[in-house]
Amino acid sequence: MLFLVDAHLPMRLVFWRYAAQLRERGHDVIHTRELPRKNETEDMNIIQLAVAQNRTVIPKDEDFYKYFILKGQPRRLLMLTIGNIVNKDLIVLLEKNIDQIEADLIDYKVVELSNEAVTVHF
């Protein structure tokens, strides 16, 4: 799988230890900060890149979800509805749920990770 982390999330998500393991399993993770316009990359450009490269967008805000509902793009979303938590706790939450997230992203287009659960939507 290919992932694209939105600007509202820390760059650390690209380099956390499990991301390295994802790469070893054939996954690729990039952050908007690595794009030409960095964190100022507009949502439409992120969506277009995600569609062109078949990337799952990992946003924290609902704008991507609303666009998915209206237009069916990007092809996949991993929505993080976690509120304001420290990066360390976010990493722990992802590590705890990554196997479920990976499995759900194979069968569903929108997977949501909250502080309490992993939920599939489409």
PDB file of N, CA and C in Angstrom:
ATOM      1  N   MET A   1       0.829  -1.178   0.000  1.00  0.00           N
ATOM      2  CA  MET A   1       0.000   0.000   0.000  1.00  0.00           C
ATOM      3  C   MET A   1       0.873   1.240   0.000  1.00  0.00           C
ATOM      4  N   LEU A   2       0.333   2.274  -0.548  1.00  0.00           N
ATOM      5  CA  LEU A   2       1.012   3.567  -0.583  1.00  0.00           C
ATOM      6  C   LEU A   2       0.205   4.544   0.273  1.00  0.00           C
ATOM      7  N   PHE A   3       0.882   5.303   1.111  1.00  0.00           N
ATOM      8  CA  PHE A   3       0.216   6.240   2.007  1.00  0.00           C
ATOM      9  C   PHE A   3       0.727   7.654   1.775  1.00  0.00           C
ATOM     10  N   LEU A   4      -0.164   8.624   1.986  1.00  0.00           N
ATOM     11  CA  LEU A   4       0.174  10.047   1.918  1.00  0.00           C
ATOM     12  C   LEU A   4      -0.377  10.711   3.172  1.00  0.00           C
ATOM     13  N   VAL A   5       0.510  11.193   4.043  1.00  0.00           N
ATOM     14  CA  VAL A   5       0.130  11.799   5.313  1.00  0.00           C
ATOM     15  C   VAL A   5      -0.098  13.292   5.108  1.00  0.00           C
ATOM     16  N   ASP A   6      -1.272  13.766   5.548  1.00  0.00           N
ATOM     17  CA  ASP A   6      -1.648  15.175   5.393  1.00  0.00           C
ATOM     18  C   ASP A   6      -0.866  16.071   6.357  1.00  0.00           C
ATOM     19  N   ALA A   7      -0.869  17.350   6.048  1.00  0.00           N
ATOM     20  CA  ALA A   7      -0.101  18.350   6.790  1.00  0.00           C
ATOM     21  C   ALA A   7      -0.531  18.497   8.249  1.00  0.00           C
ATOM     22  N   HIS A   8      -1.767  18.166   8.573  1.00  0.00           N
ATOM     23  CA  HIS A   8      -2.241  18.317   9.946  1.00  0.00           C
ATOM     24  C   HIS A   8      -1.685  17.260  10.893  1.00  0.00           C
ATOM     25  N   LEU A   9      -0.931  16.346  10.339  1.00  0.00           N
ATOM     26  CA  LEU A   9      -0.338  15.282  11.141  1.00  0.00           C
ATOM     27  C   LEU A   9       1.179  15.423  11.137  1.00  0.00           C
ATOM     28  N   PRO A  10       1.826  14.928  12.166  1.00  0.00           N
ATOM     29  CA  PRO A  10       3.275  15.138  12.284  1.00  0.00           C
ATOM     30  C   PRO A  10       4.083  14.356  11.246  1.00  0.00           C
ATOM     31  N   MET A  11       5.168  14.963  10.827  1.00  0.00           N
ATOM     32  CA  MET A  11       6.118  14.316   9.921  1.00  0.00           C
ATOM     33  C   MET A  11       6.644  13.021  10.549  1.00  0.00           C
ATOM     34  N   ARG A  12       6.626  12.977  11.833  1.00  0.00           N
ATOM     35  CA  ARG A  12       7.117  11.801  12.556  1.00  0.00           C
ATOM     36  C   ARG A  12       6.391  10.525  12.125  1.00  0.00           C
ATOM     37  N   LEU A  13       5.151  10.646  11.642  1.00  0.00           N
ATOM     38  CA  LEU A  13       4.421   9.463  11.187  1.00  0.00           C
ATOM     39  C   LEU A  13       5.124   8.767  10.032  1.00  0.00           C
ATOM     40  N   VAL A  14       5.866   9.523   9.254  1.00  0.00           N
ATOM     41  CA  VAL A  14       6.581   8.946   8.122  1.00  0.00           C
ATOM     42  C   VAL A  14       7.800   8.165   8.606  1.00  0.00           C
ATOM     43  N   PHE A  15       8.320   8.535   9.750  1.00  0.00           N
ATOM     44  CA  PHE A  15       9.576   7.942  10.226  1.00  0.00           C
ATOM     45  C   PHE A  15       9.431   7.110  11.492  1.00  0.00           C
ATOM     46  N   TRP A  16       8.221   6.942  12.013  1.00  0.00           N
ATOM     47  CA  TRP A  16       8.067   6.102  13.195  1.00  0.00           C
ATOM     48  C   TRP A  16       8.513   4.692  12.880  1.00  0.00           C
ATOM     49  N   ARG A  17       8.864   3.945  13.872  1.00  0.00           N
ATOM     50  CA  ARG A  17       9.496   2.646  13.625  1.00  0.00           C
ATOM     51  C   ARG A  17       8.615   1.699  12.840  1.00  0.00           C
ATOM     52  N   TYR A  18       7.292   1.776  12.990  1.00  0.00           N
ATOM     53  CA  TYR A  18       6.450   0.873  12.216  1.00  0.00           C
ATOM     54  C   TYR A  18       6.414   1.283  10.746  1.00  0.00           C
ATOM     55  N   ALA A  19       6.573   2.559  10.457  1.00  0.00           N
ATOM     56  CA  ALA A  19       6.620   2.985   9.054  1.00  0.00           C
ATOM     57  C   ALA A  19       7.778   2.290   8.352  1.00  0.00           C
ATOM     58  N   ALA A  20       8.894   2.131   9.048  1.00  0.00           N
ATOM     59  CA  ALA A  20      10.018   1.400   8.462  1.00  0.00           C
ATOM     60  C   ALA A  20       9.623  -0.043   8.201  1.00  0.00           C
ATOM     61  N   GLN A  21       8.864  -0.623   9.118  1.00  0.00           N
ATOM     62  CA  GLN A  21       8.387  -1.982   8.913  1.00  0.00           C
ATOM     63  C   GLN A  21       7.396  -2.040   7.755  1.00  0.00           C
ATOM     64  N   LEU A  22       6.580  -1.006   7.605  1.00  0.00           N
ATOM     65  CA  LEU A  22       5.663  -0.951   6.461  1.00  0.00           C
ATOM     66  C   LEU A  22       6.451  -0.959   5.165  1.00  0.00           C
ATOM     67  N   ARG A  23       7.523  -0.197   5.118  1.00  0.00           N
ATOM     68  CA  ARG A  23       8.357  -0.169   3.911  1.00  0.00           C
ATOM     69  C   ARG A  23       8.936  -1.553   3.627  1.00  0.00           C
ATOM     70  N   GLU A  24       9.357  -2.238   4.676  1.00  0.00           N
ATOM     71  CA  GLU A  24       9.894  -3.586   4.496  1.00  0.00           C
ATOM     72  C   GLU A  24       8.843  -4.533   3.929  1.00  0.00           C
ATOM     73  N   ARG A  25       7.572  -4.275   4.214  1.00  0.00           N
ATOM     74  CA  ARG A  25       6.491  -5.110   3.699  1.00  0.00           C
ATOM     75  C   ARG A  25       5.976  -4.587   2.355  1.00  0.00           C
ATOM     76  N   GLY A  26       6.678  -3.629   1.773  1.00  0.00           N
ATOM     77  CA  GLY A  26       6.311  -3.139   0.454  1.00  0.00           C
ATOM     78  C   GLY A  26       5.464  -1.886   0.450  1.00  0.00           C
ATOM     79  N   HIS A  27       5.195  -1.313   1.615  1.00  0.00           N
ATOM     80  CA  HIS A  27       4.404  -0.091   1.695  1.00  0.00           C
ATOM     81  C   HIS A  27       5.318   1.126   1.560  1.00  0.00           C
ATOM     82  N   ASP A  28       4.731   2.231   1.159  1.00  0.00           N
ATOM     83  CA  ASP A  28       5.470   3.475   0.965  1.00  0.00           C
ATOM     84  C   ASP A  28       4.696   4.585   1.650  1.00  0.00           C
ATOM     85  N   VAL A  29       5.376   5.392   2.458  1.00  0.00           N
ATOM     86  CA  VAL A  29       4.737   6.462   3.210  1.00  0.00           C
ATOM     87  C   VAL A  29       5.439   7.777   2.901  1.00  0.00           C
ATOM     88  N   ILE A  30       4.659   8.787   2.478  1.00  0.00           N
ATOM     89  CA  ILE A  30       5.215  10.136   2.297  1.00  0.00           C
ATOM     90  C   ILE A  30       4.335  11.134   3.047  1.00  0.00           C
ATOM     91  N   HIS A  31       4.907  12.278   3.349  1.00  0.00           N
ATOM     92  CA  HIS A  31       4.213  13.366   4.056  1.00  0.00           C
ATOM     93  C   HIS A  31       4.119  14.550   3.101  1.00  0.00           C
ATOM     94  N   THR A  32       3.103  15.363   3.287  1.00  0.00           N
ATOM     95  CA  THR A  32       2.968  16.544   2.424  1.00  0.00           C
ATOM     96  C   THR A  32       4.208  17.427   2.493  1.00  0.00           C
ATOM     97  N   ARG A  33       4.926  17.390   3.600  1.00  0.00           N
ATOM     98  CA  ARG A  33       6.147  18.197   3.733  1.00  0.00           C
ATOM     99  C   ARG A  33       7.207  17.793   2.705  1.00  0.00           C
ATOM    100  N   GLU A  34       7.073  16.589   2.141  1.00  0.00           N
ATOM    101  CA  GLU A  34       8.015  16.105   1.139  1.00  0.00           C
ATOM    102  C   GLU A  34       7.594  16.497  -0.282  1.00  0.00           C
ATOM    103  N   LEU A  35       6.434  17.121  -0.427  1.00  0.00           N
ATOM    104  CA  LEU A  35       5.953  17.552  -1.738  1.00  0.00           C
ATOM    105  C   LEU A  35       6.534  18.924  -2.075  1.00  0.00           C
ATOM    106  N   PRO A  36       6.497  19.338  -3.338  1.00  0.00           N
ATOM    107  CA  PRO A  36       7.098  20.622  -3.728  1.00  0.00           C
ATOM    108  C   PRO A  36       6.572  21.820  -2.929  1.00  0.00           C
ATOM    109  N   ARG A  37       5.262  21.862  -2.649  1.00  0.00           N
ATOM    110  CA  ARG A  37       4.694  22.998  -1.900  1.00  0.00           C
ATOM    111  C   ARG A  37       4.611  22.704  -0.407  1.00  0.00           C
ATOM    112  N   LYS A  38       5.185  21.582  -0.028  1.00  0.00           N
ATOM    113  CA  LYS A  38       5.266  21.158   1.371  1.00  0.00           C
ATOM    114  C   LYS A  38       3.889  21.180   2.030  1.00  0.00           C
ATOM    115  N   ASN A  39       3.796  21.690   3.248  1.00  0.00           N
ATOM    116  CA  ASN A  39       2.524  21.677   3.965  1.00  0.00           C
ATOM    117  C   ASN A  39       1.510  22.687   3.432  1.00  0.00           C
ATOM    118  N   GLU A  40       1.903  23.462   2.451  1.00  0.00           N
ATOM    119  CA  GLU A  40       0.956  24.386   1.818  1.00  0.00           C
ATOM    120  C   GLU A  40       0.293  23.755   0.597  1.00  0.00           C
ATOM    121  N   THR A  41       0.563  22.474   0.354  1.00  0.00           N
ATOM    122  CA  THR A  41      -0.070  21.767  -0.751  1.00  0.00           C
ATOM    123  C   THR A  41      -1.574  21.746  -0.506  1.00  0.00           C
ATOM    124  N   GLU A  42      -2.330  22.166  -1.499  1.00  0.00           N
ATOM    125  CA  GLU A  42      -3.781  22.231  -1.348  1.00  0.00           C
ATOM    126  C   GLU A  42      -4.390  20.836  -1.390  1.00  0.00           C
ATOM    127  N   ASP A  43      -5.536  20.713  -0.734  1.00  0.00           N
ATOM    128  CA  ASP A  43      -6.207  19.420  -0.645  1.00  0.00           C
ATOM    129  C   ASP A  43      -6.447  18.800  -2.022  1.00  0.00           C
ATOM    130  N   MET A  44      -6.846  19.584  -2.997  1.00  0.00           N
ATOM    131  CA  MET A  44      -7.102  19.041  -4.339  1.00  0.00           C
ATOM    132  C   MET A  44      -5.837  18.442  -4.943  1.00  0.00           C
ATOM    133  N   ASN A  45      -4.700  19.075  -4.711  1.00  0.00           N
ATOM    134  CA  ASN A  45      -3.440  18.536  -5.214  1.00  0.00           C
ATOM    135  C   ASN A  45      -3.070  17.235  -4.501  1.00  0.00           C
ATOM    136  N   ILE A  46      -3.371  17.172  -3.221  1.00  0.00           N
ATOM    137  CA  ILE A  46      -3.132  15.939  -2.468  1.00  0.00           C
ATOM    138  C   ILE A  46      -4.019  14.827  -3.011  1.00  0.00           C
ATOM    139  N   ILE A  47      -5.280  15.144  -3.252  1.00  0.00           N
ATOM    140  CA  ILE A  47      -6.217  14.161  -3.792  1.00  0.00           C
ATOM    141  C   ILE A  47      -5.764  13.701  -5.174  1.00  0.00           C
ATOM    142  N   GLN A  48      -5.375  14.635  -6.027  1.00  0.00           N
ATOM    143  CA  GLN A  48      -4.921  14.273  -7.375  1.00  0.00           C
ATOM    144  C   GLN A  48      -3.693  13.378  -7.319  1.00  0.00           C
ATOM    145  N   LEU A  49      -2.745  13.693  -6.455  1.00  0.00           N
ATOM    146  CA  LEU A  49      -1.546  12.865  -6.309  1.00  0.00           C
ATOM    147  C   LEU A  49      -1.919  11.480  -5.777  1.00  0.00           C
ATOM    148  N   ALA A  50      -2.801  11.449  -4.796  1.00  0.00           N
ATOM    149  CA  ALA A  50      -3.219  10.170  -4.231  1.00  0.00           C
ATOM    150  C   ALA A  50      -3.891   9.302  -5.287  1.00  0.00           C
ATOM    151  N   VAL A  51      -4.728   9.893  -6.112  1.00  0.00           N
ATOM    152  CA  VAL A  51      -5.401   9.140  -7.175  1.00  0.00           C
ATOM    153  C   VAL A  51      -4.378   8.661  -8.200  1.00  0.00           C
ATOM    154  N   ALA A  52      -3.494   9.556  -8.625  1.00  0.00           N
ATOM    155  CA  ALA A  52      -2.504   9.203  -9.648  1.00  0.00           C
ATOM    156  C   ALA A  52      -1.564   8.095  -9.177  1.00  0.00           C
ATOM    157  N   GLN A  53      -1.215   8.104  -7.896  1.00  0.00           N
ATOM    158  CA  GLN A  53      -0.254   7.128  -7.369  1.00  0.00           C
ATOM    159  C   GLN A  53      -0.926   6.014  -6.557  1.00  0.00           C
ATOM    160  N   ASN A  54      -2.260   6.014  -6.544  1.00  0.00           N
ATOM    161  CA  ASN A  54      -3.033   5.016  -5.797  1.00  0.00           C
ATOM    162  C   ASN A  54      -2.635   4.993  -4.318  1.00  0.00           C
ATOM    163  N   ARG A  55      -2.525   6.185  -3.720  1.00  0.00           N
ATOM    164  CA  ARG A  55      -2.146   6.317  -2.314  1.00  0.00           C
ATOM    165  C   ARG A  55      -3.378   6.454  -1.429  1.00  0.00           C
ATOM    166  N   THR A  56      -3.282   5.916  -0.241  1.00  0.00           N
ATOM    167  CA  THR A  56      -4.276   6.118   0.800  1.00  0.00           C
ATOM    168  C   THR A  56      -3.904   7.391   1.536  1.00  0.00           C
ATOM    169  N   VAL A  57      -4.821   8.350   1.592  1.00  0.00           N
ATOM    170  CA  VAL A  57      -4.559   9.605   2.291  1.00  0.00           C
ATOM    171  C   VAL A  57      -4.861   9.398   3.776  1.00  0.00           C
ATOM    172  N   ILE A  58      -3.978   9.916   4.610  1.00  0.00           N
ATOM    173  CA  ILE A  58      -4.161   9.860   6.058  1.00  0.00           C
ATOM    174  C   ILE A  58      -4.354  11.292   6.562  1.00  0.00           C
ATOM    175  N   PRO A  59      -5.599  11.745   6.658  1.00  0.00           N
ATOM    176  CA  PRO A  59      -5.867  13.087   7.163  1.00  0.00           C
ATOM    177  C   PRO A  59      -6.404  13.067   8.592  1.00  0.00           C
ATOM    178  N   LYS A  60      -6.390  14.233   9.202  1.00  0.00           N
ATOM    179  CA  LYS A  60      -6.986  14.397  10.527  1.00  0.00           C
ATOM    180  C   LYS A  60      -8.275  15.209  10.420  1.00  0.00           C
ATOM    181  N   ASP A  61      -8.395  16.016   9.387  1.00  0.00           N
ATOM    182  CA  ASP A  61      -9.594  16.831   9.246  1.00  0.00           C
ATOM    183  C   ASP A  61     -10.625  16.141   8.357  1.00  0.00           C
ATOM    184  N   GLU A  62     -11.855  16.615   8.398  1.00  0.00           N
ATOM    185  CA  GLU A  62     -12.958  15.971   7.687  1.00  0.00           C
ATOM    186  C   GLU A  62     -13.069  16.369   6.217  1.00  0.00           C
ATOM    187  N   ASP A  63     -12.301  17.332   5.753  1.00  0.00           N
ATOM    188  CA  ASP A  63     -12.435  17.809   4.373  1.00  0.00           C
ATOM    189  C   ASP A  63     -12.258  16.679   3.356  1.00  0.00           C
ATOM    190  N   PHE A  64     -11.304  15.811   3.585  1.00  0.00           N
ATOM    191  CA  PHE A  64     -11.063  14.706   2.648  1.00  0.00           C
ATOM    192  C   PHE A  64     -12.237  13.728   2.648  1.00  0.00           C
ATOM    193  N   TYR A  65     -12.799  13.489   3.820  1.00  0.00           N
ATOM    194  CA  TYR A  65     -13.948  12.591   3.923  1.00  0.00           C
ATOM    195  C   TYR A  65     -15.148  13.183   3.185  1.00  0.00           C
ATOM    196  N   LYS A  66     -15.390  14.465   3.343  1.00  0.00           N
ATOM    197  CA  LYS A  66     -16.501  15.127   2.648  1.00  0.00           C
ATOM    198  C   LYS A  66     -16.306  15.040   1.134  1.00  0.00           C
ATOM    199  N   TYR A  67     -15.087  15.256   0.677  1.00  0.00           N
ATOM    200  CA  TYR A  67     -14.819  15.179  -0.764  1.00  0.00           C
ATOM    201  C   TYR A  67     -15.000  13.743  -1.254  1.00  0.00           C
ATOM    202  N   PHE A  68     -14.601  12.774  -0.446  1.00  0.00           N
ATOM    203  CA  PHE A  68     -14.795  11.377  -0.816  1.00  0.00           C
ATOM    204  C   PHE A  68     -16.292  11.078  -0.975  1.00  0.00           C
ATOM    205  N   ILE A  69     -17.093  11.556  -0.061  1.00  0.00           N
ATOM    206  CA  ILE A  69     -18.546  11.336  -0.128  1.00  0.00           C
ATOM    207  C   ILE A  69     -19.109  11.941  -1.411  1.00  0.00           C
ATOM    208  N   LEU A  70     -18.662  13.137  -1.769  1.00  0.00           N
ATOM    209  CA  LEU A  70     -19.186  13.832  -2.953  1.00  0.00           C
ATOM    210  C   LEU A  70     -18.637  13.276  -4.260  1.00  0.00           C
ATOM    211  N   LYS A  71     -17.340  12.971  -4.304  1.00  0.00           N
ATOM    212  CA  LYS A  71     -16.670  12.637  -5.571  1.00  0.00           C
ATOM    213  C   LYS A  71     -16.070  11.235  -5.639  1.00  0.00           C
ATOM    214  N   GLY A  72     -16.031  10.540  -4.513  1.00  0.00           N
ATOM    215  CA  GLY A  72     -15.444   9.200  -4.521  1.00  0.00           C
ATOM    216  C   GLY A  72     -13.932   9.198  -4.605  1.00  0.00           C
ATOM    217  N   GLN A  73     -13.313  10.314  -4.268  1.00  0.00           N
ATOM    218  CA  GLN A  73     -11.858  10.421  -4.307  1.00  0.00           C
ATOM    219  C   GLN A  73     -11.363  11.089  -3.039  1.00  0.00           C
ATOM    220  N   PRO A  74     -10.196  10.764  -2.575  1.00  0.00           N
ATOM    221  CA  PRO A  74      -9.271   9.765  -3.087  1.00  0.00           C
ATOM    222  C   PRO A  74      -9.844   8.363  -2.951  1.00  0.00           C
ATOM    223  N   ARG A  75      -9.159   7.401  -3.507  1.00  0.00           N
ATOM    224  CA  ARG A  75      -9.687   6.031  -3.527  1.00  0.00           C
ATOM    225  C   ARG A  75      -9.808   5.435  -2.134  1.00  0.00           C
ATOM    226  N   ARG A  76      -8.891   5.808  -1.242  1.00  0.00           N
ATOM    227  CA  ARG A  76      -8.921   5.288   0.124  1.00  0.00           C
ATOM    228  C   ARG A  76      -8.504   6.373   1.114  1.00  0.00           C
ATOM    229  N   LEU A  77      -9.114   6.278   2.297  1.00  0.00           N
ATOM    230  CA  LEU A  77      -8.790   7.192   3.388  1.00  0.00           C
ATOM    231  C   LEU A  77      -8.572   6.407   4.671  1.00  0.00           C
ATOM    232  N   LEU A  78      -7.578   6.820   5.415  1.00  0.00           N
ATOM    233  CA  LEU A  78      -7.421   6.383   6.792  1.00  0.00           C
ATOM    234  C   LEU A  78      -7.641   7.628   7.638  1.00  0.00           C
ATOM    235  N   MET A  79      -8.878   7.822   8.068  1.00  0.00           N
ATOM    236  CA  MET A  79      -9.249   9.011   8.834  1.00  0.00           C
ATOM    237  C   MET A  79      -8.801   8.855  10.282  1.00  0.00           C
ATOM    238  N   LEU A  80      -8.101   9.862  10.799  1.00  0.00           N
ATOM    239  CA  LEU A  80      -7.692   9.861  12.192  1.00  0.00           C
ATOM    240  C   LEU A  80      -8.570  10.851  12.948  1.00  0.00           C
ATOM    241  N   THR A  81      -9.512  10.337  13.709  1.00  0.00           N
ATOM    242  CA  THR A  81     -10.409  11.176  14.509  1.00  0.00           C
ATOM    243  C   THR A  81     -10.007  11.026  15.966  1.00  0.00           C
ATOM    244  N   ILE A  82      -8.866  11.572  16.270  1.00  0.00           N
ATOM    245  CA  ILE A  82      -8.201  11.324  17.546  1.00  0.00           C
ATOM    246  C   ILE A  82      -8.153  12.546  18.446  1.00  0.00           C
ATOM    247  N   GLY A  83      -8.680  13.671  17.973  1.00  0.00           N
ATOM    248  CA  GLY A  83      -8.587  14.881  18.773  1.00  0.00           C
ATOM    249  C   GLY A  83      -7.148  15.328  18.896  1.00  0.00           C
ATOM    250  N   ASN A  84      -6.894  16.119  19.895  1.00  0.00           N
ATOM    251  CA  ASN A  84      -5.533  16.608  20.127  1.00  0.00           C
ATOM    252  C   ASN A  84      -4.835  15.690  21.114  1.00  0.00           C
ATOM    253  N   ILE A  85      -3.936  14.866  20.577  1.00  0.00           N
ATOM    254  CA  ILE A  85      -3.123  14.011  21.440  1.00  0.00           C
ATOM    255  C   ILE A  85      -1.663  14.244  21.086  1.00  0.00           C
ATOM    256  N   VAL A  86      -0.803  13.936  22.015  1.00  0.00           N
ATOM    257  CA  VAL A  86       0.623  14.125  21.766  1.00  0.00           C
ATOM    258  C   VAL A  86       1.096  13.081  20.760  1.00  0.00           C
ATOM    259  N   ASN A  87       2.132  13.422  20.035  1.00  0.00           N
ATOM    260  CA  ASN A  87       2.644  12.536  18.978  1.00  0.00           C
ATOM    261  C   ASN A  87       2.959  11.141  19.490  1.00  0.00           C
ATOM    262  N   LYS A  88       3.545  11.062  20.662  1.00  0.00           N
ATOM    263  CA  LYS A  88       3.916   9.762  21.238  1.00  0.00           C
ATOM    264  C   LYS A  88       2.676   8.882  21.387  1.00  0.00           C
ATOM    265  N   ASP A  89       1.581   9.447  21.869  1.00  0.00           N
ATOM    266  CA  ASP A  89       0.342   8.678  22.049  1.00  0.00           C
ATOM    267  C   ASP A  89      -0.274   8.299  20.704  1.00  0.00           C
ATOM    268  N   LEU A  90      -0.138   9.164  19.717  1.00  0.00           N
ATOM    269  CA  LEU A  90      -0.620   8.851  18.371  1.00  0.00           C
ATOM    270  C   LEU A  90       0.130   7.650  17.802  1.00  0.00           C
ATOM    271  N   ILE A  91       1.438   7.642  17.965  1.00  0.00           N
ATOM    272  CA  ILE A  91       2.251   6.532  17.474  1.00  0.00           C
ATOM    273  C   ILE A  91       1.843   5.228  18.168  1.00  0.00           C
ATOM    274  N   VAL A  92       1.655   5.274  19.467  1.00  0.00           N
ATOM    275  CA  VAL A  92       1.243   4.086  20.219  1.00  0.00           C
ATOM    276  C   VAL A  92      -0.110   3.596  19.710  1.00  0.00           C
ATOM    277  N   LEU A  93      -1.038   4.502  19.479  1.00  0.00           N
ATOM    278  CA  LEU A  93      -2.360   4.144  18.976  1.00  0.00           C
ATOM    279  C   LEU A  93      -2.271   3.478  17.599  1.00  0.00           C
ATOM    280  N   LEU A  94      -1.440   4.028  16.731  1.00  0.00           N
ATOM    281  CA  LEU A  94      -1.254   3.422  15.410  1.00  0.00           C
ATOM    282  C   LEU A  94      -0.595   2.049  15.507  1.00  0.00           C
ATOM    283  N   GLU A  95       0.439   1.941  16.328  1.00  0.00           N
ATOM    284  CA  GLU A  95       1.114   0.653  16.477  1.00  0.00           C
ATOM    285  C   GLU A  95       0.161  -0.412  17.006  1.00  0.00           C
ATOM    286  N   LYS A  96      -0.698  -0.020  17.926  1.00  0.00           N
ATOM    287  CA  LYS A  96      -1.649  -0.957  18.522  1.00  0.00           C
ATOM    288  C   LYS A  96      -2.677  -1.451  17.498  1.00  0.00           C
ATOM    289  N   ASN A  97      -2.994  -0.623  16.509  1.00  0.00           N
ATOM    290  CA  ASN A  97      -4.089  -0.928  15.587  1.00  0.00           C
ATOM    291  C   ASN A  97      -3.666  -1.168  14.140  1.00  0.00           C
ATOM    292  N   ILE A  98      -2.381  -1.134  13.843  1.00  0.00           N
ATOM    293  CA  ILE A  98      -1.947  -1.152  12.454  1.00  0.00           C
ATOM    294  C   ILE A  98      -2.335  -2.433  11.714  1.00  0.00           C
ATOM    295  N   ASP A  99      -2.298  -3.574  12.378  1.00  0.00           N
ATOM    296  CA  ASP A  99      -2.676  -4.818  11.696  1.00  0.00           C
ATOM    297  C   ASP A  99      -4.133  -4.769  11.254  1.00  0.00           C
ATOM    298  N   GLN A 100      -5.002  -4.277  12.128  1.00  0.00           N
ATOM    299  CA  GLN A 100      -6.423  -4.140  11.793  1.00  0.00           C
ATOM    300  C   GLN A 100      -6.618  -3.118  10.675  1.00  0.00           C
ATOM    301  N   ILE A 101      -5.910  -2.016  10.745  1.00  0.00           N
ATOM    302  CA  ILE A 101      -6.015  -0.968   9.726  1.00  0.00           C
ATOM    303  C   ILE A 101      -5.600  -1.509   8.362  1.00  0.00           C
ATOM    304  N   GLU A 102      -4.453  -2.174   8.307  1.00  0.00           N
ATOM    305  CA  GLU A 102      -3.982  -2.737   7.033  1.00  0.00           C
ATOM    306  C   GLU A 102      -4.996  -3.715   6.453  1.00  0.00           C
ATOM    307  N   ALA A 103      -5.532  -4.588   7.295  1.00  0.00           N
ATOM    308  CA  ALA A 103      -6.514  -5.564   6.818  1.00  0.00           C
ATOM    309  C   ALA A 103      -7.778  -4.872   6.315  1.00  0.00           C
ATOM    310  N   ASP A 104      -8.247  -3.879   7.041  1.00  0.00           N
ATOM    311  CA  ASP A 104      -9.473  -3.179   6.645  1.00  0.00           C
ATOM    312  C   ASP A 104      -9.284  -2.377   5.362  1.00  0.00           C
ATOM    313  N   LEU A 105      -8.101  -1.814   5.154  1.00  0.00           N
ATOM    314  CA  LEU A 105      -7.865  -1.027   3.940  1.00  0.00           C
ATOM    315  C   LEU A 105      -7.836  -1.892   2.683  1.00  0.00           C
ATOM    316  N   ILE A 106      -7.691  -3.188   2.830  1.00  0.00           N
ATOM    317  CA  ILE A 106      -7.768  -4.076   1.675  1.00  0.00           C
ATOM    318  C   ILE A 106      -9.211  -4.181   1.189  1.00  0.00           C
ATOM    319  N   ASP A 107     -10.147  -4.225   2.134  1.00  0.00           N
ATOM    320  CA  ASP A 107     -11.554  -4.458   1.798  1.00  0.00           C
ATOM    321  C   ASP A 107     -12.430  -3.213   1.801  1.00  0.00           C
ATOM    322  N   TYR A 108     -11.996  -2.139   2.444  1.00  0.00           N
ATOM    323  CA  TYR A 108     -12.833  -0.949   2.597  1.00  0.00           C
ATOM    324  C   TYR A 108     -12.094   0.285   2.098  1.00  0.00           C
ATOM    325  N   LYS A 109     -12.869   1.269   1.684  1.00  0.00           N
ATOM    326  CA  LYS A 109     -12.285   2.495   1.146  1.00  0.00           C
ATOM    327  C   LYS A 109     -12.026   3.553   2.212  1.00  0.00           C
ATOM    328  N   VAL A 110     -12.824   3.544   3.277  1.00  0.00           N
ATOM    329  CA  VAL A 110     -12.633   4.514   4.353  1.00  0.00           C
ATOM    330  C   VAL A 110     -12.550   3.765   5.677  1.00  0.00           C
ATOM    331  N   VAL A 111     -11.408   3.924   6.328  1.00  0.00           N
ATOM    332  CA  VAL A 111     -11.177   3.333   7.635  1.00  0.00           C
ATOM    333  C   VAL A 111     -10.906   4.489   8.591  1.00  0.00           C
ATOM    334  N   GLU A 112     -11.548   4.439   9.744  1.00  0.00           N
ATOM    335  CA  GLU A 112     -11.403   5.505  10.732  1.00  0.00           C
ATOM    336  C   GLU A 112     -10.726   4.953  11.979  1.00  0.00           C
ATOM    337  N   LEU A 113      -9.721   5.664  12.439  1.00  0.00           N
ATOM    338  CA  LEU A 113      -9.066   5.328  13.696  1.00  0.00           C
ATOM    339  C   LEU A 113      -9.401   6.428  14.700  1.00  0.00           C
ATOM    340  N   SER A 114     -10.083   6.045  15.768  1.00  0.00           N
ATOM    341  CA  SER A 114     -10.353   6.975  16.862  1.00  0.00           C
ATOM    342  C   SER A 114      -9.556   6.513  18.070  1.00  0.00           C
ATOM    343  N   ASN A 115      -9.709   7.204  19.162  1.00  0.00           N
ATOM    344  CA  ASN A 115      -9.015   6.810  20.390  1.00  0.00           C
ATOM    345  C   ASN A 115      -9.540   5.485  20.931  1.00  0.00           C
ATOM    346  N   GLU A 116     -10.749   5.121  20.524  1.00  0.00           N
ATOM    347  CA  GLU A 116     -11.392   3.932  21.073  1.00  0.00           C
ATOM    348  C   GLU A 116     -11.396   2.730  20.151  1.00  0.00           C
ATOM    349  N   ALA A 117     -11.420   2.937  18.812  1.00  0.00           N
ATOM    350  CA  ALA A 117     -11.648   1.806  17.917  1.00  0.00           C
ATOM    351  C   ALA A 117     -11.222   2.107  16.492  1.00  0.00           C
ATOM    352  N   VAL A 118     -11.148   1.030  15.708  1.00  0.00           N
ATOM    353  CA  VAL A 118     -11.010   1.129  14.253  1.00  0.00           C
ATOM    354  C   VAL A 118     -12.381   0.820  13.667  1.00  0.00           C
ATOM    355  N   THR A 119     -12.877   1.737  12.823  1.00  0.00           N
ATOM    356  CA  THR A 119     -14.214   1.597  12.244  1.00  0.00           C
ATOM    357  C   THR A 119     -14.113   1.693  10.740  1.00  0.00           C
ATOM    358  N   VAL A 120     -14.863   0.847  10.033  1.00  0.00           N
ATOM    359  CA  VAL A 120     -14.890   0.921   8.574  1.00  0.00           C
ATOM    360  C   VAL A 120     -16.180   1.609   8.147  1.00  0.00           C
ATOM    361  N   HIS A 121     -16.103   2.361   7.024  1.00  0.00           N
ATOM    362  CA  HIS A 121     -17.262   3.111   6.556  1.00  0.00           C
ATOM    363  C   HIS A 121     -17.697   2.699   5.148  1.00  0.00           C
ATOM    364  N   PHE A 122     -16.793   2.443   4.282  1.00  0.00           N
ATOM    365  CA  PHE A 122     -17.153   2.094   2.889  1.00  0.00           C
ATOM    366  C   PHE A 122     -16.257   0.987   2.404  1.00  0.00           C
TER     367      PHE A 122
END
